Amino acid sequence: MKEPYVSLATKKKSGDWVWTPVWFAEASGGQSIYIFSAADAGKVKRLKNFEAVQIAPCTISGRITGESKDASGQLIHDDTEVASAYTLLRAKYGWQIKVLDFFSRIAGNINKRQMIRVDF
């Protein structure tokens, strides 16, 4: 995926989908992407209930620019996989993610993140 952003849709208990624009990095092989989020974010809570997700390319503001794909979302807790995912994200977003990480450290939120793997 060459897009800079994707919109991740997670399912509510009502069955409605909630779309959220996110940064992502593609895993080697192209069958998965990694996304990080605040651990207490709604998308993380919804993934605990439903693994089914959808993704679609989007603009930074979340406007969908292409077709959506059905996928499966997993909350990742393995330290090695999390570190690998951050390496991919930092390679893709460079200075932007360094700035975000800097302010997250200052705010004390750097360790309150949840890594998500989306498998196609």
Protein backbone atom coordinates (compact mmCIF):
# COMPACT_ATOMS: atom_id res chain seq x y z
CA MET A 1 0.00 0.00 0.00
CA LYS A 2 1.49 3.31 -1.08
CA GLU A 3 -1.05 5.58 0.59
CA PRO A 4 0.15 7.75 3.47
CA TYR A 5 -3.02 7.10 5.50
CA VAL A 6 -5.80 4.57 5.77
CA SER A 7 -9.13 4.74 7.49
CA LEU A 8 -9.73 1.86 9.89
CA ALA A 9 -13.32 0.81 10.53
CA THR A 10 -14.09 -1.04 13.73
CA LYS A 11 -17.46 -2.51 14.63
CA LYS A 12 -19.61 -1.33 17.51
CA LYS A 13 -21.85 -3.70 19.46
CA SER A 14 -24.79 -2.18 17.57
CA GLY A 15 -23.22 -3.42 14.32
CA ASP A 16 -22.40 0.10 13.10
CA TRP A 17 -18.91 0.81 11.77
CA VAL A 18 -16.73 3.63 13.10
CA TRP A 19 -14.13 4.94 10.62
CA THR A 20 -10.90 6.51 11.91
CA PRO A 21 -7.97 7.84 9.81
CA VAL A 22 -4.67 6.37 11.02
CA TRP A 23 -0.99 6.13 10.20
CA PHE A 24 0.09 2.65 9.16
CA ALA A 25 3.10 0.69 8.01
CA GLU A 26 3.00 -2.36 5.80
CA ALA A 27 4.61 -5.54 7.10
CA SER A 28 6.98 -7.44 4.84
CA GLY A 29 5.01 -9.60 2.46
CA GLY A 30 2.18 -7.10 2.22
CA GLN A 31 -0.40 -9.27 4.00
CA SER A 32 -0.53 -7.14 7.15
CA ILE A 33 -0.27 -3.55 8.28
CA TYR A 34 0.56 -2.11 11.69
CA ILE A 35 -1.28 0.76 13.34
CA PHE A 36 -0.71 2.25 16.77
CA SER A 37 -3.27 3.93 18.97
CA ALA A 38 -3.84 5.14 22.48
CA ALA A 39 -4.59 2.02 24.51
CA ASP A 40 -7.83 3.52 25.80
CA ALA A 41 -9.11 4.65 22.38
CA GLY A 42 -12.50 3.52 21.14
CA LYS A 43 -11.04 1.51 18.26
CA VAL A 44 -8.99 -0.55 20.72
CA LYS A 45 -12.03 -1.20 22.90
CA ARG A 46 -14.09 -2.20 19.86
CA LEU A 47 -11.33 -4.59 18.66
CA LYS A 48 -11.59 -6.43 21.96
CA ASN A 49 -15.17 -7.30 21.01
CA PHE A 50 -14.90 -7.80 17.24
CA GLU A 51 -11.83 -8.77 15.18
CA ALA A 52 -13.56 -7.90 11.90
CA VAL A 53 -12.36 -4.57 10.49
CA GLN A 54 -12.35 -2.72 7.22
CA ILE A 55 -9.65 -0.49 5.81
CA ALA A 56 -9.70 2.03 2.98
CA PRO A 57 -7.20 4.57 1.68
CA CYS A 58 -7.98 8.08 2.87
CA THR A 59 -6.76 11.64 3.22
CA ILE A 60 -5.28 12.96 6.46
CA SER A 61 -8.74 14.26 7.37
CA GLY A 62 -10.31 10.83 6.85
CA ARG A 63 -12.03 11.31 3.47
CA ILE A 64 -12.09 7.85 1.85
CA THR A 65 -10.30 7.86 -1.52
CA GLY A 66 -10.65 4.23 -2.61
CA GLU A 67 -12.39 0.95 -2.03
CA SER A 68 -12.50 -0.66 1.39
CA LYS A 69 -11.15 -4.13 2.17
CA ASP A 70 -12.40 -6.58 4.77
CA ALA A 71 -9.71 -7.66 7.21
CA SER A 72 -9.05 -8.94 10.71
CA GLY A 73 -7.59 -6.76 13.49
CA GLN A 74 -5.47 -8.08 16.35
CA LEU A 75 -4.19 -6.29 19.44
CA ILE A 76 -0.45 -7.02 19.64
CA HIS A 77 1.27 -7.55 22.99
CA ASP A 78 4.45 -9.36 21.91
CA ASP A 79 7.36 -6.97 22.60
CA THR A 80 9.39 -8.20 19.62
CA GLU A 81 6.52 -7.70 17.17
CA VAL A 82 5.71 -4.28 18.67
CA ALA A 83 9.34 -3.18 18.28
CA SER A 84 9.38 -4.40 14.68
CA ALA A 85 6.15 -2.52 13.96
CA TYR A 86 7.57 0.71 15.37
CA THR A 87 10.67 0.28 13.21
CA LEU A 88 8.42 0.09 10.14
CA LEU A 89 6.33 3.08 11.24
CA ARG A 90 9.42 5.20 11.95
CA ALA A 91 10.91 4.30 8.57
CA LYS A 92 7.70 5.40 6.83
CA TYR A 93 6.88 8.58 8.75
CA GLY A 94 10.40 9.76 9.65
CA TRP A 95 10.51 13.15 11.35
CA GLN A 96 6.73 13.25 11.79
CA ILE A 97 6.65 10.24 14.10
CA LYS A 98 9.79 11.45 15.90
CA VAL A 99 7.97 14.68 16.76
CA LEU A 100 4.89 12.75 17.88
CA ASP A 101 7.03 10.43 20.02
CA PHE A 102 8.83 13.43 21.57
CA PHE A 103 5.60 15.06 22.70
CA SER A 104 4.17 11.70 23.80
CA ARG A 105 7.20 11.21 26.06
CA ILE A 106 6.79 14.71 27.55
CA ALA A 107 3.08 14.06 28.19
CA GLY A 108 3.82 10.63 29.67
CA ASN A 109 1.75 8.85 27.03
CA ILE A 110 4.48 7.00 25.12
CA ASN A 111 3.91 3.82 27.15
CA LYS A 112 0.12 4.06 26.94
CA ARG A 113 -0.09 2.91 23.34
CA GLN A 114 -1.53 -0.21 21.78
CA MET A 115 -0.14 -1.77 18.60
CA ILE A 116 -2.69 -3.22 16.18
CA ARG A 117 -1.99 -5.65 13.36
CA VAL A 118 -4.50 -5.79 10.50
CA ASP A 119 -4.31 -8.98 8.42
CA PHE A 120 -5.82 -9.22 4.93
